[in-house]
Amino acid sequence: MFSIEGVRENNKAGLLIASFAASIRHVPRRRLPAYALLCAAIAVTGSIAKGDWTQYRFDPAHHGVNPNETILSPATVGNLTVKWRASVGDASASVADGRVYVVRERANDNEGGGKLYALDRNTGQELWNFPPSALTGDFSTTTPAVANGIVYFGVNRGGPVVYAVNAATGGRIWSHGGPIAQIISSPTVLDGRVYVAFTDGTIRALDATNGQIIWSV
């Protein structure tokens, strides 16, 4: 069981969120060139708000480092203490605008799999979850991406579905059904497009506002 934790530095007022992202799991070796192509095709965006971690490995280029973070350092990391803990199953998180977004990978006794949760960054309290129709067989291995007030995530529900959800309310904005395959990458958001890869080697660029296919290879 993996739990998301909010942490604080004892001598600082600022809240730090430790977010460990793991996106592509159990990727067949033959599919790796397609994902390398996807990563190579995406450039770096501008700066992200200090303390936020808006998608897999921080930014569209997946650097895995937040250059805006100035509080946490080798000298201060030993002072971190747990502020709150929320058990959400096997998951990795994104942080934006005071909220932590995390997708439950598999179902448990009480909740279906592939469900997105929004938690308050300061308290860990659940603000909303989506979709309400999550089923036992649904699953997801993706880190959500957050941009312009929208959360994007992928879930396999018999067939693959990419969702765009209002970041504040959890309301559905659009959904996109993929090919006869499974979603294997976290959504990457850049310049109004959402990039997603599938187990059959397909990569799609979707319009971030409506989910329409811009191109597919």
N, C-alpha and C. Protein backbone atom coordinates (compact mmCIF):
# COMPACT_ATOMS: atom_id res chain seq x y z
N MET A 1 0.85 -1.19 0.00
CA MET A 1 0.00 0.00 0.00
C MET A 1 0.88 1.24 0.00
N PHE A 2 0.63 2.13 -0.93
CA PHE A 2 1.38 3.38 -1.02
C PHE A 2 0.51 4.50 -0.51
N SER A 3 1.05 5.39 0.30
CA SER A 3 0.26 6.51 0.81
C SER A 3 0.90 7.82 0.40
N ILE A 4 0.06 8.81 0.12
CA ILE A 4 0.53 10.14 -0.21
C ILE A 4 0.68 10.91 1.09
N GLU A 5 1.82 11.57 1.27
CA GLU A 5 2.05 12.28 2.50
C GLU A 5 2.30 13.76 2.25
N GLY A 6 1.74 14.60 3.09
CA GLY A 6 2.08 16.01 3.11
C GLY A 6 3.16 16.19 4.15
N VAL A 7 4.19 16.94 3.84
CA VAL A 7 5.30 17.10 4.78
C VAL A 7 5.59 18.56 4.99
N ARG A 8 6.17 18.91 6.13
CA ARG A 8 6.51 20.29 6.41
C ARG A 8 7.91 20.38 6.97
N GLU A 9 8.55 21.51 6.77
CA GLU A 9 9.88 21.77 7.29
C GLU A 9 9.70 22.48 8.63
N ASN A 10 10.32 21.95 9.68
CA ASN A 10 10.04 22.44 11.03
C ASN A 10 10.28 23.94 11.20
N ASN A 11 11.27 24.49 10.52
CA ASN A 11 11.64 25.87 10.74
C ASN A 11 11.14 26.80 9.66
N LYS A 12 10.25 26.33 8.80
CA LYS A 12 9.73 27.15 7.71
C LYS A 12 8.21 27.16 7.76
N ALA A 13 7.62 28.27 7.30
CA ALA A 13 6.16 28.36 7.26
C ALA A 13 5.62 27.68 6.01
N GLY A 14 6.44 27.60 4.97
CA GLY A 14 5.98 27.04 3.71
C GLY A 14 5.76 25.54 3.78
N LEU A 15 4.72 25.08 3.13
CA LEU A 15 4.41 23.65 3.06
C LEU A 15 5.08 23.05 1.85
N LEU A 16 5.70 21.93 2.03
CA LEU A 16 6.31 21.19 0.93
C LEU A 16 5.53 19.91 0.72
N ILE A 17 5.37 19.54 -0.52
CA ILE A 17 4.71 18.29 -0.83
C ILE A 17 5.72 17.34 -1.46
N ALA A 18 5.89 16.18 -0.86
CA ALA A 18 6.75 15.16 -1.44
C ALA A 18 5.90 14.32 -2.37
N SER A 19 6.20 14.37 -3.64
CA SER A 19 5.39 13.66 -4.62
C SER A 19 6.28 12.76 -5.44
N PHE A 20 6.07 11.46 -5.34
CA PHE A 20 6.88 10.52 -6.07
C PHE A 20 6.07 9.99 -7.25
N ALA A 21 6.56 10.27 -8.47
CA ALA A 21 5.80 9.91 -9.67
C ALA A 21 6.39 8.68 -10.32
N ALA A 22 5.52 7.77 -10.75
CA ALA A 22 5.92 6.60 -11.53
C ALA A 22 4.88 6.42 -12.61
N SER A 23 5.28 6.59 -13.86
CA SER A 23 4.28 6.63 -14.92
C SER A 23 4.19 5.33 -15.69
N ILE A 24 5.21 4.98 -16.42
CA ILE A 24 5.12 3.82 -17.31
C ILE A 24 5.61 2.58 -16.58
N ARG A 25 4.68 1.67 -16.31
CA ARG A 25 5.01 0.46 -15.56
C ARG A 25 4.77 -0.76 -16.43
N HIS A 26 5.64 -1.72 -16.29
CA HIS A 26 5.50 -2.98 -17.04
C HIS A 26 5.39 -2.72 -18.54
N VAL A 27 6.20 -1.82 -19.06
CA VAL A 27 6.15 -1.50 -20.49
C VAL A 27 6.86 -2.60 -21.26
N PRO A 28 6.21 -3.23 -22.24
CA PRO A 28 6.90 -4.23 -23.05
C PRO A 28 8.13 -3.64 -23.71
N ARG A 29 9.22 -4.37 -23.71
CA ARG A 29 10.48 -3.85 -24.23
C ARG A 29 10.34 -3.38 -25.67
N ARG A 30 9.55 -4.06 -26.48
CA ARG A 30 9.42 -3.70 -27.88
C ARG A 30 8.72 -2.35 -28.07
N ARG A 31 8.03 -1.85 -27.03
CA ARG A 31 7.30 -0.59 -27.15
C ARG A 31 8.16 0.62 -26.78
N LEU A 32 9.31 0.41 -26.20
CA LEU A 32 10.10 1.53 -25.69
C LEU A 32 10.46 2.58 -26.73
N PRO A 33 10.80 2.22 -28.00
CA PRO A 33 11.12 3.26 -28.97
C PRO A 33 9.99 4.25 -29.17
N ALA A 34 8.73 3.80 -29.11
CA ALA A 34 7.61 4.71 -29.30
C ALA A 34 7.56 5.75 -28.20
N TYR A 35 7.84 5.33 -26.96
CA TYR A 35 7.79 6.27 -25.85
C TYR A 35 9.00 7.21 -25.88
N ALA A 36 10.14 6.69 -26.34
CA ALA A 36 11.31 7.55 -26.51
C ALA A 36 11.01 8.63 -27.54
N LEU A 37 10.29 8.26 -28.60
CA LEU A 37 9.91 9.23 -29.62
C LEU A 37 9.01 10.30 -29.03
N LEU A 38 8.06 9.89 -28.21
CA LEU A 38 7.14 10.85 -27.59
C LEU A 38 7.91 11.84 -26.73
N CYS A 39 8.83 11.35 -25.90
CA CYS A 39 9.58 12.24 -25.03
C CYS A 39 10.49 13.17 -25.83
N ALA A 40 11.10 12.65 -26.89
CA ALA A 40 12.01 13.47 -27.68
C ALA A 40 11.29 14.55 -28.45
N ALA A 41 10.01 14.36 -28.71
CA ALA A 41 9.26 15.32 -29.52
C ALA A 41 8.73 16.48 -28.72
N ILE A 42 8.84 16.41 -27.39
CA ILE A 42 8.24 17.43 -26.54
C ILE A 42 9.32 18.31 -25.93
N ALA A 43 9.14 19.63 -26.06
CA ALA A 43 10.12 20.59 -25.54
C ALA A 43 9.74 21.03 -24.13
N VAL A 44 10.60 21.86 -23.57
CA VAL A 44 10.40 22.35 -22.21
C VAL A 44 9.47 23.56 -22.22
N THR A 45 8.59 23.62 -21.22
CA THR A 45 7.73 24.79 -21.08
C THR A 45 8.40 25.82 -20.18
N GLY A 46 7.69 26.93 -19.95
CA GLY A 46 8.19 27.97 -19.06
C GLY A 46 8.09 27.54 -17.62
N SER A 47 8.34 28.47 -16.73
CA SER A 47 8.38 28.16 -15.30
C SER A 47 7.01 27.78 -14.78
N ILE A 48 7.00 26.93 -13.76
CA ILE A 48 5.78 26.49 -13.09
C ILE A 48 5.80 27.08 -11.70
N ALA A 49 4.61 27.34 -11.13
CA ALA A 49 4.53 27.97 -9.82
C ALA A 49 5.36 27.22 -8.80
N LYS A 50 6.01 27.97 -7.94
CA LYS A 50 6.89 27.39 -6.92
C LYS A 50 6.14 26.37 -6.08
N GLY A 51 6.70 25.19 -5.91
CA GLY A 51 6.09 24.15 -5.10
C GLY A 51 5.14 23.25 -5.86
N ASP A 52 4.68 23.66 -7.04
CA ASP A 52 3.77 22.81 -7.82
C ASP A 52 4.55 21.74 -8.58
N TRP A 53 3.87 20.65 -8.83
CA TRP A 53 4.43 19.52 -9.59
C TRP A 53 3.28 19.04 -10.46
N THR A 54 3.17 19.57 -11.67
CA THR A 54 1.91 19.50 -12.41
C THR A 54 1.74 18.29 -13.31
N GLN A 55 2.78 17.49 -13.51
CA GLN A 55 2.62 16.28 -14.31
C GLN A 55 3.77 15.32 -14.05
N TYR A 56 3.75 14.20 -14.74
CA TYR A 56 4.77 13.17 -14.52
C TYR A 56 6.17 13.76 -14.62
N ARG A 57 6.97 13.54 -13.58
CA ARG A 57 8.36 14.04 -13.51
C ARG A 57 8.43 15.54 -13.76
N PHE A 58 7.46 16.26 -13.24
CA PHE A 58 7.44 17.71 -13.12
C PHE A 58 6.98 18.49 -14.33
N ASP A 59 7.60 18.28 -15.51
CA ASP A 59 7.30 19.13 -16.66
C ASP A 59 7.17 18.29 -17.93
N PRO A 60 6.79 18.89 -19.07
CA PRO A 60 6.62 18.11 -20.30
C PRO A 60 7.87 17.37 -20.76
N ALA A 61 9.04 17.88 -20.41
CA ALA A 61 10.29 17.19 -20.78
C ALA A 61 10.67 16.13 -19.75
N HIS A 62 9.90 16.01 -18.66
CA HIS A 62 10.10 14.99 -17.62
C HIS A 62 11.49 15.06 -17.00
N HIS A 63 11.88 16.27 -16.58
CA HIS A 63 13.20 16.45 -15.96
C HIS A 63 13.28 15.83 -14.57
N GLY A 64 12.15 15.75 -13.88
CA GLY A 64 12.16 15.16 -12.54
C GLY A 64 12.72 16.08 -11.47
N VAL A 65 12.87 17.37 -11.77
CA VAL A 65 13.41 18.34 -10.82
C VAL A 65 12.61 19.63 -10.91
N ASN A 66 12.27 20.21 -9.75
CA ASN A 66 11.59 21.50 -9.73
C ASN A 66 12.62 22.60 -9.49
N PRO A 67 12.98 23.38 -10.52
CA PRO A 67 14.00 24.40 -10.36
C PRO A 67 13.53 25.59 -9.52
N ASN A 68 12.21 25.68 -9.27
CA ASN A 68 11.68 26.79 -8.49
C ASN A 68 11.69 26.53 -6.99
N GLU A 69 11.99 25.31 -6.58
CA GLU A 69 12.02 24.95 -5.17
C GLU A 69 13.29 25.48 -4.52
N THR A 70 13.13 26.29 -3.46
CA THR A 70 14.30 26.88 -2.79
C THR A 70 14.36 26.55 -1.31
N ILE A 71 13.27 25.99 -0.75
CA ILE A 71 13.27 25.70 0.69
C ILE A 71 13.96 24.38 0.98
N LEU A 72 13.61 23.35 0.23
CA LEU A 72 14.16 22.02 0.48
C LEU A 72 15.57 21.91 -0.09
N SER A 73 16.51 21.46 0.73
CA SER A 73 17.90 21.32 0.33
C SER A 73 18.53 20.21 1.16
N PRO A 74 19.75 19.76 0.82
CA PRO A 74 20.41 18.75 1.65
C PRO A 74 20.52 19.17 3.11
N ALA A 75 20.58 20.47 3.35
CA ALA A 75 20.73 20.96 4.72
C ALA A 75 19.43 20.94 5.50
N THR A 76 18.28 21.03 4.80
CA THR A 76 16.99 21.11 5.49
C THR A 76 16.16 19.85 5.41
N VAL A 77 16.50 18.92 4.54
CA VAL A 77 15.64 17.75 4.32
C VAL A 77 15.48 16.92 5.59
N GLY A 78 16.47 16.92 6.44
CA GLY A 78 16.39 16.14 7.68
C GLY A 78 15.37 16.67 8.67
N ASN A 79 14.89 17.90 8.45
CA ASN A 79 13.91 18.51 9.35
C ASN A 79 12.46 18.25 8.94
N LEU A 80 12.26 17.54 7.83
CA LEU A 80 10.89 17.26 7.38
C LEU A 80 10.17 16.33 8.34
N THR A 81 8.91 16.63 8.62
CA THR A 81 8.06 15.76 9.43
C THR A 81 6.74 15.54 8.71
N VAL A 82 6.06 14.44 9.01
CA VAL A 82 4.77 14.15 8.38
C VAL A 82 3.71 15.09 8.93
N LYS A 83 2.99 15.76 8.05
CA LYS A 83 1.88 16.62 8.45
C LYS A 83 0.55 15.91 8.31
N TRP A 84 0.38 15.11 7.25
CA TRP A 84 -0.82 14.31 7.08
C TRP A 84 -0.51 13.13 6.18
N ARG A 85 -1.40 12.16 6.21
CA ARG A 85 -1.23 10.96 5.38
C ARG A 85 -2.60 10.53 4.87
N ALA A 86 -2.67 10.19 3.58
CA ALA A 86 -3.92 9.71 2.99
C ALA A 86 -3.63 8.44 2.20
N SER A 87 -4.25 7.34 2.57
CA SER A 87 -4.03 6.07 1.89
C SER A 87 -4.95 5.99 0.67
N VAL A 88 -4.35 5.87 -0.50
CA VAL A 88 -5.13 5.83 -1.73
C VAL A 88 -4.69 4.69 -2.64
N GLY A 89 -4.01 3.69 -2.07
CA GLY A 89 -3.56 2.58 -2.89
C GLY A 89 -2.26 2.89 -3.60
N ASP A 90 -1.94 2.11 -4.63
CA ASP A 90 -0.72 2.34 -5.41
C ASP A 90 -0.95 3.54 -6.32
N ALA A 91 -0.18 4.59 -6.13
CA ALA A 91 -0.49 5.82 -6.85
C ALA A 91 0.71 6.75 -6.86
N SER A 92 0.68 7.72 -7.75
CA SER A 92 1.65 8.82 -7.74
C SER A 92 0.87 10.11 -7.96
N ALA A 93 1.43 11.22 -7.53
CA ALA A 93 0.64 12.44 -7.41
C ALA A 93 1.18 13.61 -8.23
N SER A 94 0.28 14.55 -8.51
CA SER A 94 0.62 15.86 -9.04
C SER A 94 0.09 16.91 -8.08
N VAL A 95 0.74 18.07 -8.05
CA VAL A 95 0.37 19.13 -7.12
C VAL A 95 0.19 20.43 -7.88
N ALA A 96 -0.95 21.10 -7.67
CA ALA A 96 -1.20 22.37 -8.34
C ALA A 96 -2.26 23.15 -7.60
N ASP A 97 -2.02 24.45 -7.43
CA ASP A 97 -3.02 25.37 -6.90
C ASP A 97 -3.63 24.91 -5.58
N GLY A 98 -2.78 24.42 -4.68
CA GLY A 98 -3.25 24.05 -3.36
C GLY A 98 -3.92 22.70 -3.25
N ARG A 99 -3.86 21.91 -4.32
CA ARG A 99 -4.48 20.58 -4.30
C ARG A 99 -3.47 19.52 -4.73
N VAL A 100 -3.67 18.31 -4.21
CA VAL A 100 -2.90 17.13 -4.61
C VAL A 100 -3.83 16.22 -5.39
N TYR A 101 -3.42 15.83 -6.59
CA TYR A 101 -4.23 14.97 -7.45
C TYR A 101 -3.55 13.62 -7.59
N VAL A 102 -4.29 12.56 -7.35
CA VAL A 102 -3.72 11.23 -7.39
C VAL A 102 -4.76 10.25 -7.91
N VAL A 103 -4.32 9.25 -8.69
CA VAL A 103 -5.21 8.25 -9.27
C VAL A 103 -4.96 6.90 -8.60
N ARG A 104 -6.04 6.30 -8.09
CA ARG A 104 -5.92 4.96 -7.51
C ARG A 104 -5.68 3.96 -8.63
N GLU A 105 -4.62 3.15 -8.49
CA GLU A 105 -4.29 2.23 -9.58
C GLU A 105 -5.31 1.10 -9.69
N ARG A 106 -5.56 0.42 -8.59
CA ARG A 106 -6.44 -0.76 -8.61
C ARG A 106 -7.57 -0.58 -7.60
N ALA A 107 -8.63 -1.36 -7.78
CA ALA A 107 -9.76 -1.31 -6.86
C ALA A 107 -9.39 -1.91 -5.52
N ASN A 108 -10.10 -1.47 -4.46
CA ASN A 108 -10.02 -2.14 -3.17
C ASN A 108 -11.42 -2.56 -2.76
N ASP A 109 -11.61 -2.88 -1.50
CA ASP A 109 -12.92 -3.38 -1.06
C ASP A 109 -14.01 -2.32 -1.14
N ASN A 110 -13.60 -1.04 -1.11
CA ASN A 110 -14.59 0.04 -1.04
C ASN A 110 -14.67 0.89 -2.30
N GLU A 111 -13.62 0.93 -3.08
CA GLU A 111 -13.56 1.84 -4.22
C GLU A 111 -13.14 1.11 -5.48
N GLY A 112 -13.68 1.56 -6.63
CA GLY A 112 -13.25 1.03 -7.91
C GLY A 112 -11.86 1.51 -8.27
N GLY A 113 -11.25 0.89 -9.27
CA GLY A 113 -9.90 1.27 -9.68
C GLY A 113 -9.92 2.43 -10.66
N GLY A 114 -8.76 3.04 -10.87
CA GLY A 114 -8.63 4.11 -11.85
C GLY A 114 -9.36 5.38 -11.48
N LYS A 115 -9.61 5.60 -10.20
CA LYS A 115 -10.36 6.78 -9.77
C LYS A 115 -9.41 7.91 -9.39
N LEU A 116 -9.74 9.13 -9.83
CA LEU A 116 -8.95 10.32 -9.53
C LEU A 116 -9.46 10.97 -8.25
N TYR A 117 -8.52 11.32 -7.35
CA TYR A 117 -8.87 12.01 -6.11
C TYR A 117 -8.18 13.37 -6.07
N ALA A 118 -8.91 14.36 -5.55
CA ALA A 118 -8.33 15.67 -5.26
C ALA A 118 -8.29 15.84 -3.75
N LEU A 119 -7.11 16.13 -3.21
CA LEU A 119 -6.93 16.30 -1.77
C LEU A 119 -6.46 17.72 -1.47
N ASP A 120 -6.87 18.24 -0.32
CA ASP A 120 -6.39 19.54 0.12
C ASP A 120 -4.91 19.42 0.48
N ARG A 121 -4.09 20.30 -0.08
CA ARG A 121 -2.64 20.20 0.13
C ARG A 121 -2.24 20.41 1.59
N ASN A 122 -2.99 21.20 2.32
CA ASN A 122 -2.63 21.53 3.69
C ASN A 122 -3.12 20.52 4.71
N THR A 123 -4.22 19.82 4.39
CA THR A 123 -4.82 18.92 5.38
C THR A 123 -4.91 17.47 4.94
N GLY A 124 -4.83 17.22 3.63
CA GLY A 124 -5.02 15.88 3.11
C GLY A 124 -6.47 15.48 2.98
N GLN A 125 -7.39 16.38 3.30
CA GLN A 125 -8.82 16.07 3.21
C GLN A 125 -9.23 15.87 1.76
N GLU A 126 -10.05 14.84 1.51
CA GLU A 126 -10.55 14.61 0.16
C GLU A 126 -11.55 15.69 -0.22
N LEU A 127 -11.34 16.30 -1.39
CA LEU A 127 -12.22 17.35 -1.88
C LEU A 127 -13.26 16.79 -2.84
N TRP A 128 -12.84 15.87 -3.70
CA TRP A 128 -13.75 15.22 -4.64
C TRP A 128 -13.05 14.02 -5.25
N ASN A 129 -13.81 13.15 -5.91
CA ASN A 129 -13.22 12.05 -6.67
C ASN A 129 -14.03 11.84 -7.94
N PHE A 130 -13.39 11.21 -8.92
CA PHE A 130 -14.00 11.00 -10.24
C PHE A 130 -13.30 9.81 -10.92
N PRO A 131 -14.08 8.99 -11.68
CA PRO A 131 -15.51 9.05 -11.94
C PRO A 131 -16.31 8.32 -10.87
N PRO A 132 -17.56 8.70 -10.68
CA PRO A 132 -18.39 8.01 -9.70
C PRO A 132 -18.72 6.58 -10.13
N SER A 133 -18.54 6.29 -11.41
CA SER A 133 -18.89 4.98 -11.94
C SER A 133 -17.70 4.02 -11.99
N ALA A 134 -16.60 4.33 -11.27
CA ALA A 134 -15.42 3.46 -11.29
C ALA A 134 -15.78 2.04 -10.87
N LEU A 135 -15.26 1.06 -11.61
CA LEU A 135 -15.60 -0.34 -11.39
C LEU A 135 -14.41 -1.13 -10.86
N THR A 136 -14.69 -2.32 -10.36
CA THR A 136 -13.64 -3.17 -9.80
C THR A 136 -12.55 -3.49 -10.82
N GLY A 137 -12.95 -3.70 -12.08
CA GLY A 137 -11.97 -4.07 -13.11
C GLY A 137 -11.23 -2.91 -13.72
N ASP A 138 -11.60 -1.68 -13.40
CA ASP A 138 -10.90 -0.51 -13.95
C ASP A 138 -9.52 -0.38 -13.30
N PHE A 139 -8.55 0.10 -14.06
CA PHE A 139 -7.22 0.33 -13.49
C PHE A 139 -6.49 1.42 -14.25
N SER A 140 -5.50 2.00 -13.58
CA SER A 140 -4.72 3.07 -14.18
C SER A 140 -3.30 3.02 -13.64
N THR A 141 -2.33 3.28 -14.51
CA THR A 141 -0.93 3.36 -14.09
C THR A 141 -0.36 4.72 -14.46
N THR A 142 -1.19 5.75 -14.42
CA THR A 142 -0.77 7.07 -14.88
C THR A 142 -0.77 8.09 -13.77
N THR A 143 0.12 9.07 -13.92
CA THR A 143 0.14 10.26 -13.07
C THR A 143 -0.72 11.33 -13.73
N PRO A 144 -1.64 11.97 -13.01
CA PRO A 144 -2.45 13.01 -13.64
C PRO A 144 -1.61 14.22 -14.03
N ALA A 145 -2.08 14.94 -15.04
CA ALA A 145 -1.44 16.19 -15.47
C ALA A 145 -2.44 17.33 -15.26
N VAL A 146 -1.94 18.48 -14.82
CA VAL A 146 -2.80 19.62 -14.51
C VAL A 146 -2.35 20.83 -15.31
N ALA A 147 -3.29 21.47 -16.01
CA ALA A 147 -2.98 22.67 -16.78
C ALA A 147 -4.24 23.48 -16.98
N ASN A 148 -4.14 24.78 -16.75
CA ASN A 148 -5.24 25.71 -17.02
C ASN A 148 -6.55 25.29 -16.36
N GLY A 149 -6.44 24.83 -15.11
CA GLY A 149 -7.63 24.49 -14.35
C GLY A 149 -8.27 23.18 -14.72
N ILE A 150 -7.56 22.33 -15.46
CA ILE A 150 -8.08 21.03 -15.89
C ILE A 150 -7.10 19.93 -15.49
N VAL A 151 -7.64 18.81 -15.01
CA VAL A 151 -6.83 17.64 -14.70
C VAL A 151 -7.06 16.59 -15.77
N TYR A 152 -5.98 16.05 -16.33
CA TYR A 152 -6.06 15.02 -17.37
C TYR A 152 -5.49 13.72 -16.80
N PHE A 153 -6.20 12.61 -17.03
CA PHE A 153 -5.68 11.32 -16.60
C PHE A 153 -6.26 10.23 -17.47
N GLY A 154 -5.60 9.09 -17.47
CA GLY A 154 -6.04 7.96 -18.28
C GLY A 154 -6.43 6.78 -17.40
N VAL A 155 -7.43 6.01 -17.84
CA VAL A 155 -7.86 4.83 -17.11
C VAL A 155 -8.31 3.77 -18.12
N ASN A 156 -8.01 2.54 -17.82
CA ASN A 156 -8.42 1.42 -18.67
C ASN A 156 -9.70 0.83 -18.09
N ARG A 157 -10.79 0.92 -18.87
CA ARG A 157 -12.11 0.49 -18.41
C ARG A 157 -12.71 -0.49 -19.42
N GLY A 158 -12.00 -1.59 -19.64
CA GLY A 158 -12.36 -2.45 -20.76
C GLY A 158 -11.67 -1.94 -22.00
N GLY A 159 -11.84 -0.66 -22.31
CA GLY A 159 -11.06 0.06 -23.30
C GLY A 159 -10.44 1.28 -22.65
N PRO A 160 -9.44 1.88 -23.29
CA PRO A 160 -8.76 3.02 -22.68
C PRO A 160 -9.59 4.30 -22.79
N VAL A 161 -9.59 5.10 -21.73
CA VAL A 161 -10.30 6.38 -21.72
C VAL A 161 -9.40 7.46 -21.14
N VAL A 162 -9.29 8.59 -21.83
CA VAL A 162 -8.61 9.76 -21.31
C VAL A 162 -9.69 10.73 -20.85
N TYR A 163 -9.58 11.20 -19.61
CA TYR A 163 -10.55 12.13 -19.06
C TYR A 163 -9.93 13.51 -18.86
N ALA A 164 -10.74 14.54 -19.06
CA ALA A 164 -10.40 15.90 -18.67
C ALA A 164 -11.45 16.33 -17.65
N VAL A 165 -10.99 16.74 -16.46
CA VAL A 165 -11.87 17.02 -15.34
C VAL A 165 -11.57 18.41 -14.79
N ASN A 166 -12.61 19.14 -14.40
CA ASN A 166 -12.43 20.45 -13.78
C ASN A 166 -11.63 20.29 -12.49
N ALA A 167 -10.52 21.01 -12.37
CA ALA A 167 -9.61 20.82 -11.24
C ALA A 167 -10.22 21.25 -9.92
N ALA A 168 -11.13 22.21 -9.94
CA ALA A 168 -11.73 22.71 -8.71
C ALA A 168 -12.93 21.90 -8.25
N THR A 169 -13.73 21.42 -9.20
CA THR A 169 -14.99 20.77 -8.85
C THR A 169 -15.03 19.27 -9.08
N GLY A 170 -14.14 18.76 -9.94
CA GLY A 170 -14.18 17.34 -10.29
C GLY A 170 -15.20 17.01 -11.35
N GLY A 171 -15.79 18.03 -11.97
CA GLY A 171 -16.77 17.79 -13.02
C GLY A 171 -16.12 17.40 -14.34
N ARG A 172 -16.74 16.45 -15.04
CA ARG A 172 -16.21 15.99 -16.32
C ARG A 172 -16.33 17.09 -17.37
N ILE A 173 -15.23 17.32 -18.11
CA ILE A 173 -15.22 18.27 -19.22
C ILE A 173 -15.33 17.52 -20.54
N TRP A 174 -14.47 16.51 -20.73
CA TRP A 174 -14.58 15.65 -21.90
C TRP A 174 -13.90 14.32 -21.60
N SER A 175 -14.17 13.33 -22.47
CA SER A 175 -13.48 12.05 -22.40
C SER A 175 -13.18 11.59 -23.81
N HIS A 176 -12.11 10.82 -23.95
CA HIS A 176 -11.68 10.34 -25.27
C HIS A 176 -11.40 8.85 -25.18
N GLY A 177 -12.03 8.06 -26.03
CA GLY A 177 -11.78 6.63 -26.10
C GLY A 177 -10.63 6.32 -27.04
N GLY A 178 -9.68 5.52 -26.58
CA GLY A 178 -8.50 5.23 -27.38
C GLY A 178 -8.68 4.03 -28.28
N PRO A 179 -7.58 3.54 -28.88
CA PRO A 179 -7.63 2.37 -29.77
C PRO A 179 -7.88 1.10 -28.96
N ILE A 180 -7.94 -0.03 -29.64
CA ILE A 180 -8.11 -1.32 -28.94
C ILE A 180 -6.76 -1.69 -28.33
N ALA A 181 -6.50 -1.14 -27.17
CA ALA A 181 -5.22 -1.28 -26.49
C ALA A 181 -5.42 -0.78 -25.06
N GLN A 182 -4.31 -0.54 -24.34
CA GLN A 182 -4.37 0.05 -23.01
C GLN A 182 -3.51 1.32 -22.97
N ILE A 183 -3.92 2.25 -22.13
CA ILE A 183 -3.09 3.44 -21.90
C ILE A 183 -1.88 3.02 -21.08
N ILE A 184 -0.70 3.39 -21.53
CA ILE A 184 0.53 2.97 -20.87
C ILE A 184 1.39 4.14 -20.42
N SER A 185 1.01 5.37 -20.79
CA SER A 185 1.80 6.54 -20.38
C SER A 185 0.93 7.51 -19.63
N SER A 186 1.57 8.33 -18.79
CA SER A 186 0.86 9.44 -18.19
C SER A 186 0.62 10.51 -19.25
N PRO A 187 -0.51 11.22 -19.19
CA PRO A 187 -0.73 12.31 -20.14
C PRO A 187 0.36 13.38 -19.99
N THR A 188 0.84 13.87 -21.11
CA THR A 188 1.78 14.99 -21.11
C THR A 188 1.08 16.17 -21.78
N VAL A 189 1.09 17.32 -21.13
CA VAL A 189 0.37 18.49 -21.62
C VAL A 189 1.36 19.57 -22.02
N LEU A 190 1.19 20.08 -23.24
CA LEU A 190 2.08 21.14 -23.75
C LEU A 190 1.37 21.89 -24.86
N ASP A 191 1.36 23.22 -24.76
CA ASP A 191 0.84 24.08 -25.82
C ASP A 191 -0.56 23.69 -26.30
N GLY A 192 -1.44 23.44 -25.35
CA GLY A 192 -2.83 23.15 -25.71
C GLY A 192 -3.09 21.76 -26.24
N ARG A 193 -2.12 20.87 -26.08
CA ARG A 193 -2.29 19.49 -26.54
C ARG A 193 -2.00 18.51 -25.40
N VAL A 194 -2.70 17.38 -25.45
CA VAL A 194 -2.48 16.31 -24.49
C VAL A 194 -1.95 15.10 -25.25
N TYR A 195 -0.77 14.63 -24.87
CA TYR A 195 -0.12 13.51 -25.56
C TYR A 195 -0.26 12.24 -24.71
N VAL A 196 -0.71 11.16 -25.36
CA VAL A 196 -0.93 9.89 -24.66
C VAL A 196 -0.42 8.75 -25.52
N ALA A 197 0.20 7.74 -24.90
CA ALA A 197 0.70 6.56 -25.61
C ALA A 197 -0.06 5.32 -25.16
N PHE A 198 -0.16 4.34 -26.07
CA PHE A 198 -0.93 3.13 -25.82
C PHE A 198 -0.07 1.90 -26.06
N THR A 199 -0.53 0.75 -25.56
CA THR A 199 0.28 -0.48 -25.63
C THR A 199 0.45 -1.01 -27.05
N ASP A 200 -0.38 -0.58 -28.01
CA ASP A 200 -0.22 -1.05 -29.38
C ASP A 200 0.79 -0.19 -30.15
N GLY A 201 1.46 0.74 -29.45
CA GLY A 201 2.45 1.61 -30.08
C GLY A 201 1.88 2.93 -30.57
N THR A 202 0.57 3.11 -30.49
CA THR A 202 -0.06 4.35 -30.94
C THR A 202 0.26 5.50 -30.00
N ILE A 203 0.53 6.67 -30.56
CA ILE A 203 0.66 7.92 -29.81
C ILE A 203 -0.34 8.90 -30.39
N ARG A 204 -1.12 9.53 -29.52
CA ARG A 204 -2.11 10.49 -29.98
C ARG A 204 -1.87 11.86 -29.34
N ALA A 205 -2.09 12.91 -30.15
CA ALA A 205 -2.12 14.28 -29.65
C ALA A 205 -3.57 14.73 -29.67
N LEU A 206 -4.09 15.10 -28.52
CA LEU A 206 -5.48 15.51 -28.39
C LEU A 206 -5.57 17.00 -28.10
N ASP A 207 -6.62 17.62 -28.59
CA ASP A 207 -6.89 19.01 -28.25
C ASP A 207 -7.26 19.08 -26.77
N ALA A 208 -6.53 19.89 -26.00
CA ALA A 208 -6.72 19.93 -24.56
C ALA A 208 -8.08 20.49 -24.16
N THR A 209 -8.74 21.22 -25.05
CA THR A 209 -10.01 21.84 -24.71
C THR A 209 -11.21 20.94 -24.96
N ASN A 210 -11.10 20.01 -25.93
CA ASN A 210 -12.27 19.19 -26.27
C ASN A 210 -11.98 17.71 -26.49
N GLY A 211 -10.69 17.29 -26.44
CA GLY A 211 -10.35 15.89 -26.58
C GLY A 211 -10.32 15.36 -28.00
N GLN A 212 -10.51 16.24 -28.99
CA GLN A 212 -10.48 15.80 -30.39
C GLN A 212 -9.05 15.44 -30.80
N ILE A 213 -8.93 14.44 -31.69
CA ILE A 213 -7.60 13.99 -32.16
C ILE A 213 -7.03 15.06 -33.12
N ILE A 214 -5.81 15.51 -32.80
CA ILE A 214 -5.09 16.41 -33.71
C ILE A 214 -4.23 15.58 -34.65
N TRP A 215 -3.53 14.60 -34.11
CA TRP A 215 -2.83 13.63 -34.94
C TRP A 215 -2.65 12.34 -34.16
N SER A 216 -2.39 11.25 -34.90
CA SER A 216 -2.19 9.94 -34.32
C SER A 216 -1.18 9.18 -35.15
N VAL A 217 -0.18 8.57 -34.49
CA VAL A 217 0.84 7.81 -35.23
C VAL A 217 0.99 6.44 -34.57
